[in-house]
All heavy atoms as atom14 arrays in JSON, in Angstrom:
{
  "sequence": "RIRWGSFSDRGFLMLPLCTIYGFCILAVYLLIGTPRGGRLRTLFLQA",
  "atom14_mask": [
    [1, 1, 1, 1, 1, 1, 1, 1, 1, 1, 1, 0, 0, 0],
    [1, 1, 1, 1, 1, 1, 1, 1, 0, 0, 0, 0, 0, 0],
    [1, 1, 1, 1, 1, 1, 1, 1, 1, 1, 1, 0, 0, 0],
    [1, 1, 1, 1, 1, 1, 1, 1, 1, 1, 1, 1, 1, 1],
    [1, 1, 1, 1, 0, 0, 0, 0, 0, 0, 0, 0, 0, 0],
    [1, 1, 1, 1, 1, 1, 0, 0, 0, 0, 0, 0, 0, 0],
    [1, 1, 1, 1, 1, 1, 1, 1, 1, 1, 1, 0, 0, 0],
    [1, 1, 1, 1, 1, 1, 0, 0, 0, 0, 0, 0, 0, 0],
    [1, 1, 1, 1, 1, 1, 1, 1, 0, 0, 0, 0, 0, 0],
    [1, 1, 1, 1, 1, 1, 1, 1, 1, 1, 1, 0, 0, 0],
    [1, 1, 1, 1, 0, 0, 0, 0, 0, 0, 0, 0, 0, 0],
    [1, 1, 1, 1, 1, 1, 1, 1, 1, 1, 1, 0, 0, 0],
    [1, 1, 1, 1, 1, 1, 1, 1, 0, 0, 0, 0, 0, 0],
    [1, 1, 1, 1, 1, 1, 1, 1, 0, 0, 0, 0, 0, 0],
    [1, 1, 1, 1, 1, 1, 1, 1, 0, 0, 0, 0, 0, 0],
    [1, 1, 1, 1, 1, 1, 1, 0, 0, 0, 0, 0, 0, 0],
    [1, 1, 1, 1, 1, 1, 1, 1, 0, 0, 0, 0, 0, 0],
    [1, 1, 1, 1, 1, 1, 0, 0, 0, 0, 0, 0, 0, 0],
    [1, 1, 1, 1, 1, 1, 1, 0, 0, 0, 0, 0, 0, 0],
    [1, 1, 1, 1, 1, 1, 1, 1, 0, 0, 0, 0, 0, 0],
    [1, 1, 1, 1, 1, 1, 1, 1, 1, 1, 1, 1, 0, 0],
    [1, 1, 1, 1, 0, 0, 0, 0, 0, 0, 0, 0, 0, 0],
    [1, 1, 1, 1, 1, 1, 1, 1, 1, 1, 1, 0, 0, 0],
    [1, 1, 1, 1, 1, 1, 0, 0, 0, 0, 0, 0, 0, 0],
    [1, 1, 1, 1, 1, 1, 1, 1, 0, 0, 0, 0, 0, 0],
    [1, 1, 1, 1, 1, 1, 1, 1, 0, 0, 0, 0, 0, 0],
    [1, 1, 1, 1, 1, 0, 0, 0, 0, 0, 0, 0, 0, 0],
    [1, 1, 1, 1, 1, 1, 1, 0, 0, 0, 0, 0, 0, 0],
    [1, 1, 1, 1, 1, 1, 1, 1, 1, 1, 1, 1, 0, 0],
    [1, 1, 1, 1, 1, 1, 1, 1, 0, 0, 0, 0, 0, 0],
    [1, 1, 1, 1, 1, 1, 1, 1, 0, 0, 0, 0, 0, 0],
    [1, 1, 1, 1, 1, 1, 1, 1, 0, 0, 0, 0, 0, 0],
    [1, 1, 1, 1, 0, 0, 0, 0, 0, 0, 0, 0, 0, 0],
    [1, 1, 1, 1, 1, 1, 1, 0, 0, 0, 0, 0, 0, 0],
    [1, 1, 1, 1, 1, 1, 1, 0, 0, 0, 0, 0, 0, 0],
    [1, 1, 1, 1, 1, 1, 1, 1, 1, 1, 1, 0, 0, 0],
    [1, 1, 1, 1, 0, 0, 0, 0, 0, 0, 0, 0, 0, 0],
    [1, 1, 1, 1, 0, 0, 0, 0, 0, 0, 0, 0, 0, 0],
    [1, 1, 1, 1, 1, 1, 1, 1, 1, 1, 1, 0, 0, 0],
    [1, 1, 1, 1, 1, 1, 1, 1, 0, 0, 0, 0, 0, 0],
    [1, 1, 1, 1, 1, 1, 1, 1, 1, 1, 1, 0, 0, 0],
    [1, 1, 1, 1, 1, 1, 1, 0, 0, 0, 0, 0, 0, 0],
    [1, 1, 1, 1, 1, 1, 1, 1, 0, 0, 0, 0, 0, 0],
    [1, 1, 1, 1, 1, 1, 1, 1, 1, 1, 1, 0, 0, 0],
    [1, 1, 1, 1, 1, 1, 1, 1, 0, 0, 0, 0, 0, 0],
    [1, 1, 1, 1, 1, 1, 1, 1, 1, 0, 0, 0, 0, 0],
    [1, 1, 1, 1, 1, 0, 0, 0, 0, 0, 0, 0, 0, 0]
  ],
  "atom14_positions": [
    [[129.16, 109.3, 103.23], [130.48, 108.9, 103.74], [130.84, 107.49, 103.28], [131.96, 107.23, 102.85], [130.46, 108.98, 105.27], [131.67, 108.45, 105.93], [132.8, 109.43, 105.83], [133.91, 108.92, 106.62], [135.15, 109.23, 106.4], [135.46, 110.09, 105.46], [136.1, 108.73, 107.13], [0.0, 0.0, 0.0], [0.0, 0.0, 0.0], [0.0, 0.0, 0.0]],
    [[129.87, 106.57, 103.35], [130.14, 105.19, 102.93], [130.32, 105.11, 101.42], [131.23, 104.46, 100.92], [129.0, 104.26, 103.4], [129.02, 104.12, 104.91], [129.09, 102.89, 102.73], [127.82, 103.43, 105.49], [0.0, 0.0, 0.0], [0.0, 0.0, 0.0], [0.0, 0.0, 0.0], [0.0, 0.0, 0.0], [0.0, 0.0, 0.0], [0.0, 0.0, 0.0]],
    [[129.46, 105.78, 100.67], [129.45, 105.67, 99.22], [130.65, 106.37, 98.56], [131.28, 105.83, 97.66], [128.14, 106.26, 98.68], [128.02, 106.3, 97.17], [127.8, 104.9, 96.61], [127.49, 104.95, 95.22], [128.39, 104.88, 94.23], [129.66, 104.75, 94.52], [128.02, 104.92, 92.97], [0.0, 0.0, 0.0], [0.0, 0.0, 0.0], [0.0, 0.0, 0.0]],
    [[130.97, 107.59, 99.01], [132.03, 108.35, 98.36], [133.26, 108.53, 99.22], [134.25, 109.1, 98.78], [131.5, 109.71, 97.91], [130.66, 109.58, 96.69], [131.1, 109.43, 95.4], [129.23, 109.55, 96.61], [130.03, 109.3, 94.54], [128.87, 109.38, 95.26], [128.22, 109.64, 97.55], [127.55, 109.3, 94.84], [126.91, 109.57, 97.14], [126.6, 109.4, 95.79]],
    [[133.24, 108.07, 100.46], [134.43, 108.06, 101.29], [134.86, 109.4, 101.86], [135.96, 109.52, 102.37], [0.0, 0.0, 0.0], [0.0, 0.0, 0.0], [0.0, 0.0, 0.0], [0.0, 0.0, 0.0], [0.0, 0.0, 0.0], [0.0, 0.0, 0.0], [0.0, 0.0, 0.0], [0.0, 0.0, 0.0], [0.0, 0.0, 0.0], [0.0, 0.0, 0.0]],
    [[134.02, 110.4, 101.77], [134.38, 111.69, 102.35], [133.16, 112.3, 103.04], [132.02, 111.95, 102.75], [134.88, 112.65, 101.26], [133.85, 112.94, 100.35], [0.0, 0.0, 0.0], [0.0, 0.0, 0.0], [0.0, 0.0, 0.0], [0.0, 0.0, 0.0], [0.0, 0.0, 0.0], [0.0, 0.0, 0.0], [0.0, 0.0, 0.0], [0.0, 0.0, 0.0]],
    [[133.45, 113.21, 103.97], [132.36, 113.86, 104.71], [131.82, 115.03, 103.9], [132.58, 115.82, 103.34], [132.87, 114.36, 106.06], [131.82, 115.12, 106.82], [130.8, 114.45, 107.47], [131.85, 116.5, 106.85], [129.83, 115.15, 108.17], [130.88, 117.21, 107.53], [129.88, 116.54, 108.19], [0.0, 0.0, 0.0], [0.0, 0.0, 0.0], [0.0, 0.0, 0.0]],
    [[130.52, 115.1, 103.84], [129.87, 116.23, 103.19], [128.66, 116.6, 104.04], [127.82, 115.76, 104.34], [129.41, 115.85, 101.78], [128.64, 116.9, 101.23], [0.0, 0.0, 0.0], [0.0, 0.0, 0.0], [0.0, 0.0, 0.0], [0.0, 0.0, 0.0], [0.0, 0.0, 0.0], [0.0, 0.0, 0.0], [0.0, 0.0, 0.0], [0.0, 0.0, 0.0]],
    [[128.6, 117.87, 104.44], [127.47, 118.33, 105.24], [126.25, 118.39, 104.32], [126.19, 119.21, 103.41], [127.75, 119.69, 105.86], [126.64, 120.14, 106.78], [125.75, 119.32, 107.08], [126.66, 121.31, 107.2], [0.0, 0.0, 0.0], [0.0, 0.0, 0.0], [0.0, 0.0, 0.0], [0.0, 0.0, 0.0], [0.0, 0.0, 0.0], [0.0, 0.0, 0.0]],
    [[125.3, 117.52, 104.56], [124.12, 117.43, 103.72], [122.99, 118.31, 104.22], [121.87, 118.23, 103.75], [123.64, 115.97, 103.66], [124.71, 114.96, 103.34], [125.37, 115.16, 102.03], [124.42, 114.92, 100.97], [124.62, 115.23, 99.7], [125.75, 115.79, 99.34], [123.71, 114.99, 98.8], [0.0, 0.0, 0.0], [0.0, 0.0, 0.0], [0.0, 0.0, 0.0]],
    [[123.28, 119.16, 105.21], [122.25, 119.94, 105.86], [121.83, 121.18, 105.08], [122.38, 121.53, 104.05], [0.0, 0.0, 0.0], [0.0, 0.0, 0.0], [0.0, 0.0, 0.0], [0.0, 0.0, 0.0], [0.0, 0.0, 0.0], [0.0, 0.0, 0.0], [0.0, 0.0, 0.0], [0.0, 0.0, 0.0], [0.0, 0.0, 0.0], [0.0, 0.0, 0.0]],
    [[120.85, 121.84, 105.64], [120.29, 123.05, 105.07], [120.89, 124.24, 105.81], [120.73, 124.36, 107.02], [118.76, 123.03, 105.21], [118.08, 124.23, 104.65], [118.04, 124.43, 103.29], [117.47, 125.14, 105.48], [117.39, 125.52, 102.76], [116.81, 126.24, 104.97], [116.78, 126.43, 103.6], [0.0, 0.0, 0.0], [0.0, 0.0, 0.0], [0.0, 0.0, 0.0]],
    [[121.59, 125.09, 105.09], [122.31, 126.22, 105.68], [123.33, 125.69, 106.69], [124.17, 124.91, 106.33], [121.34, 127.23, 106.3], [120.34, 127.86, 105.31], [119.37, 128.77, 106.05], [121.05, 128.64, 104.23], [0.0, 0.0, 0.0], [0.0, 0.0, 0.0], [0.0, 0.0, 0.0], [0.0, 0.0, 0.0], [0.0, 0.0, 0.0], [0.0, 0.0, 0.0]],
    [[123.24, 126.11, 107.95], [124.24, 125.69, 108.94], [123.71, 124.64, 109.92], [124.4, 124.26, 110.84], [124.73, 126.91, 109.74], [125.39, 127.96, 108.88], [126.85, 127.37, 108.03], [127.97, 127.2, 109.38], [0.0, 0.0, 0.0], [0.0, 0.0, 0.0], [0.0, 0.0, 0.0], [0.0, 0.0, 0.0], [0.0, 0.0, 0.0], [0.0, 0.0, 0.0]],
    [[122.48, 124.19, 109.72], [121.88, 123.25, 110.65], [122.04, 121.81, 110.17], [122.06, 121.56, 108.96], [120.39, 123.55, 110.81], [120.04, 124.93, 111.36], [118.54, 125.14, 111.3], [120.53, 125.08, 112.77], [0.0, 0.0, 0.0], [0.0, 0.0, 0.0], [0.0, 0.0, 0.0], [0.0, 0.0, 0.0], [0.0, 0.0, 0.0], [0.0, 0.0, 0.0]],
    [[122.12, 120.86, 111.1], [122.16, 119.46, 110.68], [120.75, 118.94, 110.41], [120.24, 118.05, 111.09], [122.8, 118.76, 111.88], [122.37, 119.59, 113.04], [122.32, 121.01, 112.53], [0.0, 0.0, 0.0], [0.0, 0.0, 0.0], [0.0, 0.0, 0.0], [0.0, 0.0, 0.0], [0.0, 0.0, 0.0], [0.0, 0.0, 0.0], [0.0, 0.0, 0.0]],
    [[120.09, 119.52, 109.42], [118.72, 119.14, 109.07], [118.58, 119.05, 107.56], [119.09, 119.9, 106.83], [117.71, 120.17, 109.58], [117.64, 120.45, 111.06], [116.7, 121.6, 111.33], [117.21, 119.23, 111.83], [0.0, 0.0, 0.0], [0.0, 0.0, 0.0], [0.0, 0.0, 0.0], [0.0, 0.0, 0.0], [0.0, 0.0, 0.0], [0.0, 0.0, 0.0]],
    [[117.9, 118.03, 107.1], [117.45, 117.96, 105.7], [115.94, 118.19, 105.77], [115.16, 117.27, 105.99], [117.77, 116.61, 105.08], [119.51, 116.4, 104.7], [0.0, 0.0, 0.0], [0.0, 0.0, 0.0], [0.0, 0.0, 0.0], [0.0, 0.0, 0.0], [0.0, 0.0, 0.0], [0.0, 0.0, 0.0], [0.0, 0.0, 0.0], [0.0, 0.0, 0.0]],
    [[115.55, 119.43, 105.58], [114.17, 119.82, 105.84], [113.17, 119.2, 104.87], [111.98, 119.14, 105.19], [114.04, 121.35, 105.8], [114.53, 121.84, 104.55], [114.8, 121.98, 106.95], [0.0, 0.0, 0.0], [0.0, 0.0, 0.0], [0.0, 0.0, 0.0], [0.0, 0.0, 0.0], [0.0, 0.0, 0.0], [0.0, 0.0, 0.0], [0.0, 0.0, 0.0]],
    [[113.62, 118.73, 103.74], [112.7, 118.11, 102.79], [112.03, 116.9, 103.43], [110.85, 116.63, 103.2], [113.39, 117.74, 101.46], [112.39, 117.26, 100.42], [114.46, 116.69, 101.67], [111.57, 118.34, 99.82], [0.0, 0.0, 0.0], [0.0, 0.0, 0.0], [0.0, 0.0, 0.0], [0.0, 0.0, 0.0], [0.0, 0.0, 0.0], [0.0, 0.0, 0.0]],
    [[112.77, 116.16, 104.27], [112.19, 114.99, 104.94], [111.14, 115.41, 105.95], [110.09, 114.78, 106.07], [113.28, 114.16, 105.62], [114.27, 113.59, 104.66], [115.61, 113.94, 104.71], [113.88, 112.71, 103.67], [116.53, 113.43, 103.82], [114.78, 112.19, 102.77], [116.11, 112.56, 102.85], [117.01, 112.05, 101.97], [0.0, 0.0, 0.0], [0.0, 0.0, 0.0]],
    [[111.41, 116.46, 106.7], [110.44, 116.95, 107.67], [109.18, 117.46, 106.99], [108.06, 117.16, 107.43], [0.0, 0.0, 0.0], [0.0, 0.0, 0.0], [0.0, 0.0, 0.0], [0.0, 0.0, 0.0], [0.0, 0.0, 0.0], [0.0, 0.0, 0.0], [0.0, 0.0, 0.0], [0.0, 0.0, 0.0], [0.0, 0.0, 0.0], [0.0, 0.0, 0.0]],
    [[109.35, 118.23, 105.91], [108.17, 118.72, 105.19], [107.36, 117.58, 104.59], [106.13, 117.61, 104.6], [108.58, 119.71, 104.09], [108.92, 121.07, 104.59], [110.18, 121.59, 104.4], [107.97, 121.84, 105.25], [110.51, 122.84, 104.87], [108.29, 123.11, 105.72], [109.55, 123.61, 105.53], [0.0, 0.0, 0.0], [0.0, 0.0, 0.0], [0.0, 0.0, 0.0]],
    [[108.05, 116.58, 104.09], [107.34, 115.46, 103.46], [106.56, 114.64, 104.49], [105.42, 114.25, 104.21], [108.32, 114.57, 102.7], [108.91, 115.34, 101.18], [0.0, 0.0, 0.0], [0.0, 0.0, 0.0], [0.0, 0.0, 0.0], [0.0, 0.0, 0.0], [0.0, 0.0, 0.0], [0.0, 0.0, 0.0], [0.0, 0.0, 0.0], [0.0, 0.0, 0.0]],
    [[107.13, 114.4, 105.66], [106.39, 113.62, 106.66], [105.17, 114.4, 107.14], [104.11, 113.83, 107.37], [107.29, 113.18, 107.84], [106.64, 112.06, 108.65], [107.62, 114.31, 108.76], [106.58, 110.75, 107.99], [0.0, 0.0, 0.0], [0.0, 0.0, 0.0], [0.0, 0.0, 0.0], [0.0, 0.0, 0.0], [0.0, 0.0, 0.0], [0.0, 0.0, 0.0]],
    [[105.31, 115.72, 107.27], [104.16, 116.54, 107.66], [103.11, 116.56, 106.55], [101.91, 116.5, 106.83], [104.59, 117.96, 108.0], [105.38, 118.13, 109.29], [105.72, 119.59, 109.51], [104.63, 117.57, 110.48], [0.0, 0.0, 0.0], [0.0, 0.0, 0.0], [0.0, 0.0, 0.0], [0.0, 0.0, 0.0], [0.0, 0.0, 0.0], [0.0, 0.0, 0.0]],
    [[103.56, 116.62, 105.31], [102.61, 116.61, 104.19], [101.85, 115.3, 104.13], [100.63, 115.28, 103.94], [103.35, 116.86, 102.87], [0.0, 0.0, 0.0], [0.0, 0.0, 0.0], [0.0, 0.0, 0.0], [0.0, 0.0, 0.0], [0.0, 0.0, 0.0], [0.0, 0.0, 0.0], [0.0, 0.0, 0.0], [0.0, 0.0, 0.0], [0.0, 0.0, 0.0]],
    [[102.55, 114.19, 104.32], [101.88, 112.89, 104.32], [100.87, 112.83, 105.45], [99.72, 112.42, 105.25], [102.91, 111.73, 104.45], [102.22, 110.42, 104.77], [103.73, 111.61, 103.17], [0.0, 0.0, 0.0], [0.0, 0.0, 0.0], [0.0, 0.0, 0.0], [0.0, 0.0, 0.0], [0.0, 0.0, 0.0], [0.0, 0.0, 0.0], [0.0, 0.0, 0.0]],
    [[101.27, 113.27, 106.63], [100.35, 113.21, 107.77], [99.14, 114.14, 107.56], [98.0, 113.75, 107.81], [101.05, 113.57, 109.08], [100.1, 113.55, 110.23], [99.66, 112.35, 110.76], [99.59, 114.73, 110.75], [98.75, 112.31, 111.8], [98.68, 114.7, 111.79], [98.26, 113.5, 112.3], [97.35, 113.47, 113.31], [0.0, 0.0, 0.0], [0.0, 0.0, 0.0]],
    [[99.38, 115.36, 107.1], [98.29, 116.32, 106.96], [97.38, 116.02, 105.77], [96.19, 116.31, 105.81], [98.84, 117.74, 106.86], [99.54, 118.24, 108.14], [100.19, 119.59, 107.88], [98.59, 118.29, 109.31], [0.0, 0.0, 0.0], [0.0, 0.0, 0.0], [0.0, 0.0, 0.0], [0.0, 0.0, 0.0], [0.0, 0.0, 0.0], [0.0, 0.0, 0.0]],
    [[97.93, 115.43, 104.7], [97.12, 115.15, 103.51], [96.37, 113.82, 103.59], [95.2, 113.74, 103.21], [97.98, 115.18, 102.26], [98.53, 116.54, 101.86], [99.46, 116.42, 100.68], [97.4, 117.51, 101.55], [0.0, 0.0, 0.0], [0.0, 0.0, 0.0], [0.0, 0.0, 0.0], [0.0, 0.0, 0.0], [0.0, 0.0, 0.0], [0.0, 0.0, 0.0]],
    [[97.05, 112.77, 104.07], [96.37, 111.47, 104.07], [96.28, 110.83, 105.45], [95.59, 109.84, 105.62], [97.01, 110.48, 103.08], [98.47, 110.21, 103.4], [96.83, 110.95, 101.67], [99.11, 109.19, 102.52], [0.0, 0.0, 0.0], [0.0, 0.0, 0.0], [0.0, 0.0, 0.0], [0.0, 0.0, 0.0], [0.0, 0.0, 0.0], [0.0, 0.0, 0.0]],
    [[96.96, 111.39, 106.45], [96.86, 110.88, 107.81], [97.59, 109.57, 108.0], [98.46, 109.2, 107.23], [0.0, 0.0, 0.0], [0.0, 0.0, 0.0], [0.0, 0.0, 0.0], [0.0, 0.0, 0.0], [0.0, 0.0, 0.0], [0.0, 0.0, 0.0], [0.0, 0.0, 0.0], [0.0, 0.0, 0.0], [0.0, 0.0, 0.0], [0.0, 0.0, 0.0]],
    [[97.2, 108.86, 109.04], [97.78, 107.54, 109.32], [96.95, 106.5, 108.57], [95.83, 106.78, 108.15], [97.75, 107.25, 110.83], [96.41, 107.28, 111.28], [98.57, 108.28, 111.6], [0.0, 0.0, 0.0], [0.0, 0.0, 0.0], [0.0, 0.0, 0.0], [0.0, 0.0, 0.0], [0.0, 0.0, 0.0], [0.0, 0.0, 0.0], [0.0, 0.0, 0.0]],
    [[97.47, 105.29, 108.41], [96.71, 104.3, 107.64], [95.3, 104.04, 108.17], [94.33, 104.07, 107.43], [97.56, 103.04, 107.73], [98.93, 103.51, 107.97], [98.79, 104.77, 108.77], [0.0, 0.0, 0.0], [0.0, 0.0, 0.0], [0.0, 0.0, 0.0], [0.0, 0.0, 0.0], [0.0, 0.0, 0.0], [0.0, 0.0, 0.0], [0.0, 0.0, 0.0]],
    [[95.16, 103.81, 109.46], [93.84, 103.47, 110.01], [93.07, 104.68, 110.53], [91.89, 104.57, 110.81], [93.99, 102.44, 111.11], [94.37, 101.1, 110.57], [94.36, 100.07, 111.68], [94.61, 98.77, 111.14], [93.67, 97.86, 110.92], [92.43, 98.13, 111.2], [93.98, 96.7, 110.43], [0.0, 0.0, 0.0], [0.0, 0.0, 0.0], [0.0, 0.0, 0.0]],
    [[93.71, 105.82, 110.68], [93.03, 106.97, 111.24], [92.87, 108.13, 110.28], [92.3, 109.16, 110.62], [0.0, 0.0, 0.0], [0.0, 0.0, 0.0], [0.0, 0.0, 0.0], [0.0, 0.0, 0.0], [0.0, 0.0, 0.0], [0.0, 0.0, 0.0], [0.0, 0.0, 0.0], [0.0, 0.0, 0.0], [0.0, 0.0, 0.0], [0.0, 0.0, 0.0]],
    [[93.35, 107.98, 109.06], [93.31, 109.08, 108.12], [92.19, 108.95, 107.1], [91.07, 108.56, 107.42], [0.0, 0.0, 0.0], [0.0, 0.0, 0.0], [0.0, 0.0, 0.0], [0.0, 0.0, 0.0], [0.0, 0.0, 0.0], [0.0, 0.0, 0.0], [0.0, 0.0, 0.0], [0.0, 0.0, 0.0], [0.0, 0.0, 0.0], [0.0, 0.0, 0.0]],
    [[92.52, 109.28, 105.88], [91.53, 109.29, 104.81], [90.97, 107.9, 104.48], [89.87, 107.77, 103.97], [92.13, 109.89, 103.55], [92.71, 111.25, 103.75], [91.81, 112.29, 103.2], [92.46, 113.59, 103.3], [91.92, 114.61, 103.91], [90.74, 114.5, 104.45], [92.55, 115.74, 103.98], [0.0, 0.0, 0.0], [0.0, 0.0, 0.0], [0.0, 0.0, 0.0]],
    [[91.72, 106.85, 104.77], [91.27, 105.48, 104.47], [90.5, 104.84, 105.63], [90.14, 103.67, 105.56], [92.48, 104.6, 104.11], [93.26, 105.01, 102.87], [94.45, 104.08, 102.67], [92.37, 104.98, 101.64], [0.0, 0.0, 0.0], [0.0, 0.0, 0.0], [0.0, 0.0, 0.0], [0.0, 0.0, 0.0], [0.0, 0.0, 0.0], [0.0, 0.0, 0.0]],
    [[90.26, 105.6, 106.67], [89.61, 105.05, 107.87], [88.28, 104.38, 107.55], [88.0, 103.27, 108.02], [89.4, 106.16, 108.89], [88.84, 105.68, 110.19], [88.78, 106.85, 111.19], [88.49, 106.39, 112.52], [87.26, 106.15, 112.96], [86.23, 106.32, 112.17], [87.07, 105.73, 114.2], [0.0, 0.0, 0.0], [0.0, 0.0, 0.0], [0.0, 0.0, 0.0]],
    [[87.44, 105.04, 106.76], [86.12, 104.45, 106.47], [86.26, 103.15, 105.69], [85.48, 102.22, 105.9], [85.25, 105.43, 105.68], [85.93, 105.84, 104.51], [84.91, 106.66, 106.52], [0.0, 0.0, 0.0], [0.0, 0.0, 0.0], [0.0, 0.0, 0.0], [0.0, 0.0, 0.0], [0.0, 0.0, 0.0], [0.0, 0.0, 0.0], [0.0, 0.0, 0.0]],
    [[87.24, 103.07, 104.82], [87.45, 101.82, 104.07], [87.93, 100.7, 104.99], [87.52, 99.55, 104.84], [88.44, 102.05, 102.93], [87.97, 103.02, 101.84], [89.08, 103.25, 100.83], [86.72, 102.48, 101.17], [0.0, 0.0, 0.0], [0.0, 0.0, 0.0], [0.0, 0.0, 0.0], [0.0, 0.0, 0.0], [0.0, 0.0, 0.0], [0.0, 0.0, 0.0]],
    [[88.8, 101.03, 105.95], [89.23, 100.01, 106.93], [88.05, 99.55, 107.77], [87.94, 98.36, 108.08], [90.34, 100.56, 107.83], [91.72, 100.4, 107.27], [92.41, 101.47, 106.75], [92.34, 99.16, 107.27], [93.68, 101.33, 106.23], [93.61, 98.99, 106.74], [94.28, 100.09, 106.23], [0.0, 0.0, 0.0], [0.0, 0.0, 0.0], [0.0, 0.0, 0.0]],
    [[87.18, 100.46, 108.14], [86.0, 100.08, 108.92], [85.06, 99.19, 108.11], [84.48, 98.24, 108.63], [85.26, 101.33, 109.42], [86.0, 102.15, 110.48], [85.22, 103.42, 110.8], [86.25, 101.32, 111.72], [0.0, 0.0, 0.0], [0.0, 0.0, 0.0], [0.0, 0.0, 0.0], [0.0, 0.0, 0.0], [0.0, 0.0, 0.0], [0.0, 0.0, 0.0]],
    [[84.9, 99.49, 106.82], [84.06, 98.65, 105.97], [84.69, 97.27, 105.77], [83.98, 96.27, 105.68], [83.85, 99.32, 104.61], [82.95, 100.53, 104.67], [82.86, 101.23, 103.32], [83.52, 100.84, 102.35], [82.05, 102.27, 103.26], [0.0, 0.0, 0.0], [0.0, 0.0, 0.0], [0.0, 0.0, 0.0], [0.0, 0.0, 0.0], [0.0, 0.0, 0.0]],
    [[86.0, 97.22, 105.71], [86.69, 95.93, 105.52], [86.51, 95.02, 106.72], [86.56, 93.8, 106.58], [88.17, 96.16, 105.25], [0.0, 0.0, 0.0], [0.0, 0.0, 0.0], [0.0, 0.0, 0.0], [0.0, 0.0, 0.0], [0.0, 0.0, 0.0], [0.0, 0.0, 0.0], [0.0, 0.0, 0.0], [0.0, 0.0, 0.0], [0.0, 0.0, 0.0]]
  ]
}
C-alpha cells in the first residue's frame, strides 16, 4: 500500500495469511532451534 499506493490482497487463497512466513519460522525452529537451546547449545555452554 505504501510503495505502490493501492491495496492488494497478499494472502494465500481467501485467507489473510502469507504461509511462506509461517512455514519458514517452523523450519527454522525445527531445524536449528533457538539460539541457546537448539543445535548451538553445546557451543554456548563451552563458551
